[in-house]
Amino acid sequence: MAPRGSYDDEYGYDDDDFNNNHFDDEFSLDDDDDFNDDDVLGGRRGFGADDDEEVNLPYEGELFNEMLSKLHGTLIMYGEDDPALMDLQAELLQIDTDKMGSSTDDMFYLEEASQIAKVLKSHINASPKIKEIHDNFMKDITRFSDESAEGHAGDYYLDEE
């Protein structure tokens, strides 16, 4: 079989088609008129960070994720210069590693938050910062049973110094 010099025979395109930009124009998503004809996303073009709002986590799940975010953010932000916070962070990370693939993955959010609170409580005597983190974490735990509870305001469980 002889080698093909152009794609015209097999696919209906020739070398001139590949050298022109009309393929870019034909398949571009920038042309609103063509794109809106079969808009299956309802005006949104793809998936991004704003789609996180559509995840239907229960209130407890959202609260728990918020608490984890505050806790890990606090340990990262303030732990670099505090060995007690670094030890706490290492223990919490070890617990996360240990529970992967085990039956504890099926725990309820409140149960998991309570286990984290126990770890925090076991480190209270190591540092006054950990006591403050524990106290503020406990404020957020009360929100599991009372959604109108104030909880801890702020992005971190430690107040700015």
C-alpha atoms as a PDB file:
ATOM      1  CA  MET A   1       0.000   0.000   0.000  1.00  0.00           C
ATOM      2  CA  ALA A   2       1.392   3.377  -0.944  1.00  0.00           C
ATOM      3  CA  PRO A   3       1.806   6.053   1.736  1.00  0.00           C
ATOM      4  CA  ARG A   4      -0.791   8.792   1.635  1.00  0.00           C
ATOM      5  CA  GLY A   5       0.455  12.263   0.907  1.00  0.00           C
ATOM      6  CA  SER A   6      -2.697  13.999   2.081  1.00  0.00           C
ATOM      7  CA  TYR A   7      -5.657  13.244   4.262  1.00  0.00           C
ATOM      8  CA  ASP A   8      -8.100  14.121   1.518  1.00  0.00           C
ATOM      9  CA  ASP A   9      -8.714  10.531   0.401  1.00  0.00           C
ATOM     10  CA  GLU A  10      -9.375   9.042   3.826  1.00  0.00           C
ATOM     11  CA  TYR A  11     -10.939  11.832   5.888  1.00  0.00           C
ATOM     12  CA  GLY A  12     -12.049  14.431   3.384  1.00  0.00           C
ATOM     13  CA  TYR A  13      -9.495  17.026   4.556  1.00  0.00           C
ATOM     14  CA  ASP A  14      -6.443  18.207   2.702  1.00  0.00           C
ATOM     15  CA  ASP A  15      -3.238  19.899   3.837  1.00  0.00           C
ATOM     16  CA  ASP A  16      -4.738  23.362   3.263  1.00  0.00           C
ATOM     17  CA  ASP A  17      -7.432  22.607   5.833  1.00  0.00           C
ATOM     18  CA  PHE A  18      -4.828  21.938   8.499  1.00  0.00           C
ATOM     19  CA  ASN A  19      -2.854  25.058   7.661  1.00  0.00           C
ATOM     20  CA  ASN A  20      -5.864  27.365   8.062  1.00  0.00           C
ATOM     21  CA  ASN A  21      -7.402  28.545  11.284  1.00  0.00           C
ATOM     22  CA  HIS A  22     -10.974  27.771  10.335  1.00  0.00           C
ATOM     23  CA  PHE A  23     -10.794  24.581  12.435  1.00  0.00           C
ATOM     24  CA  ASP A  24     -10.095  26.742  15.492  1.00  0.00           C
ATOM     25  CA  ASP A  25     -13.055  28.931  14.646  1.00  0.00           C
ATOM     26  CA  GLU A  26     -15.331  25.993  13.926  1.00  0.00           C
ATOM     27  CA  PHE A  27     -14.707  24.230  17.221  1.00  0.00           C
ATOM     28  CA  SER A  28     -14.196  27.261  19.430  1.00  0.00           C
ATOM     29  CA  LEU A  29     -16.405  27.760  22.487  1.00  0.00           C
ATOM     30  CA  ASP A  30     -15.971  31.521  22.241  1.00  0.00           C
ATOM     31  CA  ASP A  31     -18.742  31.861  19.671  1.00  0.00           C
ATOM     32  CA  ASP A  32     -21.803  32.396  21.864  1.00  0.00           C
ATOM     33  CA  ASP A  33     -24.343  31.943  19.058  1.00  0.00           C
ATOM     34  CA  ASP A  34     -23.252  28.414  18.216  1.00  0.00           C
ATOM     35  CA  PHE A  35     -22.684  27.444  21.828  1.00  0.00           C
ATOM     36  CA  ASN A  36     -26.077  28.519  23.108  1.00  0.00           C
ATOM     37  CA  ASP A  37     -27.953  26.406  20.578  1.00  0.00           C
ATOM     38  CA  ASP A  38     -27.390  23.278  22.623  1.00  0.00           C
ATOM     39  CA  ASP A  39     -26.501  24.717  26.024  1.00  0.00           C
ATOM     40  CA  VAL A  40     -26.905  21.827  28.422  1.00  0.00           C
ATOM     41  CA  LEU A  41     -25.306  23.646  31.353  1.00  0.00           C
ATOM     42  CA  GLY A  42     -27.897  26.394  31.534  1.00  0.00           C
ATOM     43  CA  GLY A  43     -25.592  29.261  30.676  1.00  0.00           C
ATOM     44  CA  ARG A  44     -22.617  28.075  32.697  1.00  0.00           C
ATOM     45  CA  ARG A  45     -19.572  27.011  30.804  1.00  0.00           C
ATOM     46  CA  GLY A  46     -17.947  24.166  32.665  1.00  0.00           C
ATOM     47  CA  PHE A  47     -17.231  23.272  36.193  1.00  0.00           C
ATOM     48  CA  GLY A  48     -15.332  25.371  38.678  1.00  0.00           C
ATOM     49  CA  ALA A  49     -15.054  26.510  42.247  1.00  0.00           C
ATOM     50  CA  ASP A  50     -18.540  28.040  42.215  1.00  0.00           C
ATOM     51  CA  ASP A  51     -19.994  24.559  41.690  1.00  0.00           C
ATOM     52  CA  ASP A  52     -19.011  23.653  45.262  1.00  0.00           C
ATOM     53  CA  GLU A  53     -22.201  25.366  46.352  1.00  0.00           C
ATOM     54  CA  GLU A  54     -24.229  22.704  44.590  1.00  0.00           C
ATOM     55  CA  VAL A  55     -22.868  19.880  46.744  1.00  0.00           C
ATOM     56  CA  ASN A  56     -25.691  18.903  49.035  1.00  0.00           C
ATOM     57  CA  LEU A  57     -23.827  18.234  52.246  1.00  0.00           C
ATOM     58  CA  PRO A  58     -25.996  18.098  55.321  1.00  0.00           C
ATOM     59  CA  TYR A  59     -25.618  20.920  57.819  1.00  0.00           C
ATOM     60  CA  GLU A  60     -23.416  18.691  59.980  1.00  0.00           C
ATOM     61  CA  GLY A  61     -21.090  18.000  57.062  1.00  0.00           C
ATOM     62  CA  GLU A  62     -20.692  21.666  56.228  1.00  0.00           C
ATOM     63  CA  LEU A  63     -20.083  22.492  59.890  1.00  0.00           C
ATOM     64  CA  PHE A  64     -17.539  19.701  60.248  1.00  0.00           C
ATOM     65  CA  ASN A  65     -15.664  20.784  57.111  1.00  0.00           C
ATOM     66  CA  GLU A  66     -15.636  24.359  58.397  1.00  0.00           C
ATOM     67  CA  MET A  67     -14.254  23.184  61.747  1.00  0.00           C
ATOM     68  CA  LEU A  68     -11.533  21.102  60.075  1.00  0.00           C
ATOM     69  CA  SER A  69     -10.598  24.035  57.892  1.00  0.00           C
ATOM     70  CA  LYS A  70     -10.289  26.325  60.918  1.00  0.00           C
ATOM     71  CA  LEU A  71      -8.312  23.751  62.881  1.00  0.00           C
ATOM     72  CA  HIS A  72      -5.850  22.885  60.150  1.00  0.00           C
ATOM     73  CA  GLY A  73      -5.526  26.544  59.162  1.00  0.00           C
ATOM     74  CA  THR A  74      -4.747  27.437  62.775  1.00  0.00           C
ATOM     75  CA  LEU A  75      -2.126  24.721  63.109  1.00  0.00           C
ATOM     76  CA  ILE A  76      -0.478  25.725  59.845  1.00  0.00           C
ATOM     77  CA  MET A  77      -0.626  29.461  60.570  1.00  0.00           C
ATOM     78  CA  TYR A  78       0.581  29.379  64.167  1.00  0.00           C
ATOM     79  CA  GLY A  79       2.294  26.003  64.488  1.00  0.00           C
ATOM     80  CA  GLU A  80       5.508  26.767  62.700  1.00  0.00           C
ATOM     81  CA  ASP A  81       7.049  28.464  65.744  1.00  0.00           C
ATOM     82  CA  ASP A  82       5.356  26.344  68.434  1.00  0.00           C
ATOM     83  CA  PRO A  83       6.582  22.770  68.980  1.00  0.00           C
ATOM     84  CA  ALA A  84       3.442  21.859  70.966  1.00  0.00           C
ATOM     85  CA  LEU A  85       1.237  22.816  68.009  1.00  0.00           C
ATOM     86  CA  MET A  86       3.507  20.866  65.680  1.00  0.00           C
ATOM     87  CA  ASP A  87       3.138  17.781  67.899  1.00  0.00           C
ATOM     88  CA  LEU A  88      -0.634  18.232  67.948  1.00  0.00           C
ATOM     89  CA  GLN A  89      -0.718  18.557  64.177  1.00  0.00           C
ATOM     90  CA  ALA A  90       1.391  15.414  63.775  1.00  0.00           C
ATOM     91  CA  GLU A  91      -0.967  13.446  66.042  1.00  0.00           C
ATOM     92  CA  LEU A  92      -4.062  14.652  64.185  1.00  0.00           C
ATOM     93  CA  LEU A  93      -2.486  13.750  60.846  1.00  0.00           C
ATOM     94  CA  GLN A  94      -1.566  10.311  62.199  1.00  0.00           C
ATOM     95  CA  ILE A  95      -5.176   9.737  63.273  1.00  0.00           C
ATOM     96  CA  ASP A  96      -6.345  10.694  59.767  1.00  0.00           C
ATOM     97  CA  THR A  97      -3.846   8.260  58.265  1.00  0.00           C
ATOM     98  CA  ASP A  98      -4.768   5.453  60.658  1.00  0.00           C
ATOM     99  CA  LYS A  99      -8.496   5.701  59.996  1.00  0.00           C
ATOM    100  CA  MET A 100      -8.237   5.542  56.186  1.00  0.00           C
ATOM    101  CA  GLY A 101      -9.773   2.350  54.883  1.00  0.00           C
ATOM    102  CA  SER A 102     -11.189   1.366  58.234  1.00  0.00           C
ATOM    103  CA  SER A 103     -14.709   1.274  59.555  1.00  0.00           C
ATOM    104  CA  THR A 104     -14.237   4.683  61.181  1.00  0.00           C
ATOM    105  CA  ASP A 105     -14.815   6.245  57.752  1.00  0.00           C
ATOM    106  CA  ASP A 106     -18.510   5.677  58.408  1.00  0.00           C
ATOM    107  CA  MET A 107     -18.490   7.788  61.570  1.00  0.00           C
ATOM    108  CA  PHE A 108     -20.924  10.590  62.029  1.00  0.00           C
ATOM    109  CA  TYR A 109     -19.540  14.102  61.883  1.00  0.00           C
ATOM    110  CA  LEU A 110     -20.224  14.754  65.566  1.00  0.00           C
ATOM    111  CA  GLU A 111     -18.421  11.558  66.569  1.00  0.00           C
ATOM    112  CA  GLU A 112     -15.380  12.493  64.545  1.00  0.00           C
ATOM    113  CA  ALA A 113     -15.408  16.040  65.918  1.00  0.00           C
ATOM    114  CA  SER A 114     -15.620  14.581  69.433  1.00  0.00           C
ATOM    115  CA  GLN A 115     -12.576  12.416  68.779  1.00  0.00           C
ATOM    116  CA  ILE A 116     -10.645  15.473  67.617  1.00  0.00           C
ATOM    117  CA  ALA A 117     -11.772  17.307  70.764  1.00  0.00           C
ATOM    118  CA  LYS A 118     -10.400  14.424  72.884  1.00  0.00           C
ATOM    119  CA  VAL A 119      -7.025  14.733  71.165  1.00  0.00           C
ATOM    120  CA  LEU A 120      -7.069  18.488  71.740  1.00  0.00           C
ATOM    121  CA  LYS A 121      -7.977  17.961  75.396  1.00  0.00           C
ATOM    122  CA  SER A 122      -5.094  15.534  75.874  1.00  0.00           C
ATOM    123  CA  HIS A 123      -2.696  18.310  74.765  1.00  0.00           C
ATOM    124  CA  ILE A 124      -4.200  21.167  76.808  1.00  0.00           C
ATOM    125  CA  ASN A 125      -1.405  21.144  79.395  1.00  0.00           C
ATOM    126  CA  ALA A 126       1.280  21.400  76.697  1.00  0.00           C
ATOM    127  CA  SER A 127       0.453  24.961  75.702  1.00  0.00           C
ATOM    128  CA  PRO A 128      -2.002  27.764  76.495  1.00  0.00           C
ATOM    129  CA  LYS A 129      -2.538  28.087  72.744  1.00  0.00           C
ATOM    130  CA  ILE A 130      -3.840  24.520  72.599  1.00  0.00           C
ATOM    131  CA  LYS A 131      -6.227  25.311  75.462  1.00  0.00           C
ATOM    132  CA  GLU A 132      -7.567  28.257  73.468  1.00  0.00           C
ATOM    133  CA  ILE A 133      -7.876  26.098  70.340  1.00  0.00           C
ATOM    134  CA  HIS A 134      -9.746  23.445  72.355  1.00  0.00           C
ATOM    135  CA  ASP A 135     -12.124  25.985  73.907  1.00  0.00           C
ATOM    136  CA  ASN A 136     -12.922  27.567  70.546  1.00  0.00           C
ATOM    137  CA  PHE A 137     -13.314  24.165  68.888  1.00  0.00           C
ATOM    138  CA  MET A 138     -15.806  23.211  71.617  1.00  0.00           C
ATOM    139  CA  LYS A 139     -17.823  26.368  70.847  1.00  0.00           C
ATOM    140  CA  ASP A 140     -18.263  25.083  67.311  1.00  0.00           C
ATOM    141  CA  ILE A 141     -19.175  21.586  68.543  1.00  0.00           C
ATOM    142  CA  THR A 142     -22.186  23.089  70.319  1.00  0.00           C
ATOM    143  CA  ARG A 143     -23.480  24.122  66.901  1.00  0.00           C
ATOM    144  CA  PHE A 144     -24.125  20.442  66.090  1.00  0.00           C
ATOM    145  CA  SER A 145     -26.956  20.338  68.614  1.00  0.00           C
ATOM    146  CA  ASP A 146     -27.981  23.985  68.443  1.00  0.00           C
ATOM    147  CA  GLU A 147     -27.743  25.500  64.954  1.00  0.00           C
ATOM    148  CA  SER A 148     -28.479  28.946  66.360  1.00  0.00           C
ATOM    149  CA  ALA A 149     -25.467  28.772  68.712  1.00  0.00           C
ATOM    150  CA  GLU A 150     -22.890  31.421  67.967  1.00  0.00           C
ATOM    151  CA  GLY A 151     -19.884  29.112  67.747  1.00  0.00           C
ATOM    152  CA  HIS A 152     -16.429  30.530  67.214  1.00  0.00           C
ATOM    153  CA  ALA A 153     -16.224  33.459  64.832  1.00  0.00           C
ATOM    154  CA  GLY A 154     -13.152  33.825  62.681  1.00  0.00           C
ATOM    155  CA  ASP A 155     -11.031  31.827  60.303  1.00  0.00           C
ATOM    156  CA  TYR A 156      -8.723  30.399  62.975  1.00  0.00           C
ATOM    157  CA  TYR A 157      -9.160  28.985  66.463  1.00  0.00           C
ATOM    158  CA  LEU A 158      -6.522  31.351  67.837  1.00  0.00           C
ATOM    159  CA  ASP A 159      -7.026  35.083  68.102  1.00  0.00           C
ATOM    160  CA  GLU A 160      -4.632  37.248  66.177  1.00  0.00           C
ATOM    161  CA  GLU A 161      -1.592  38.145  68.257  1.00  0.00           C
END
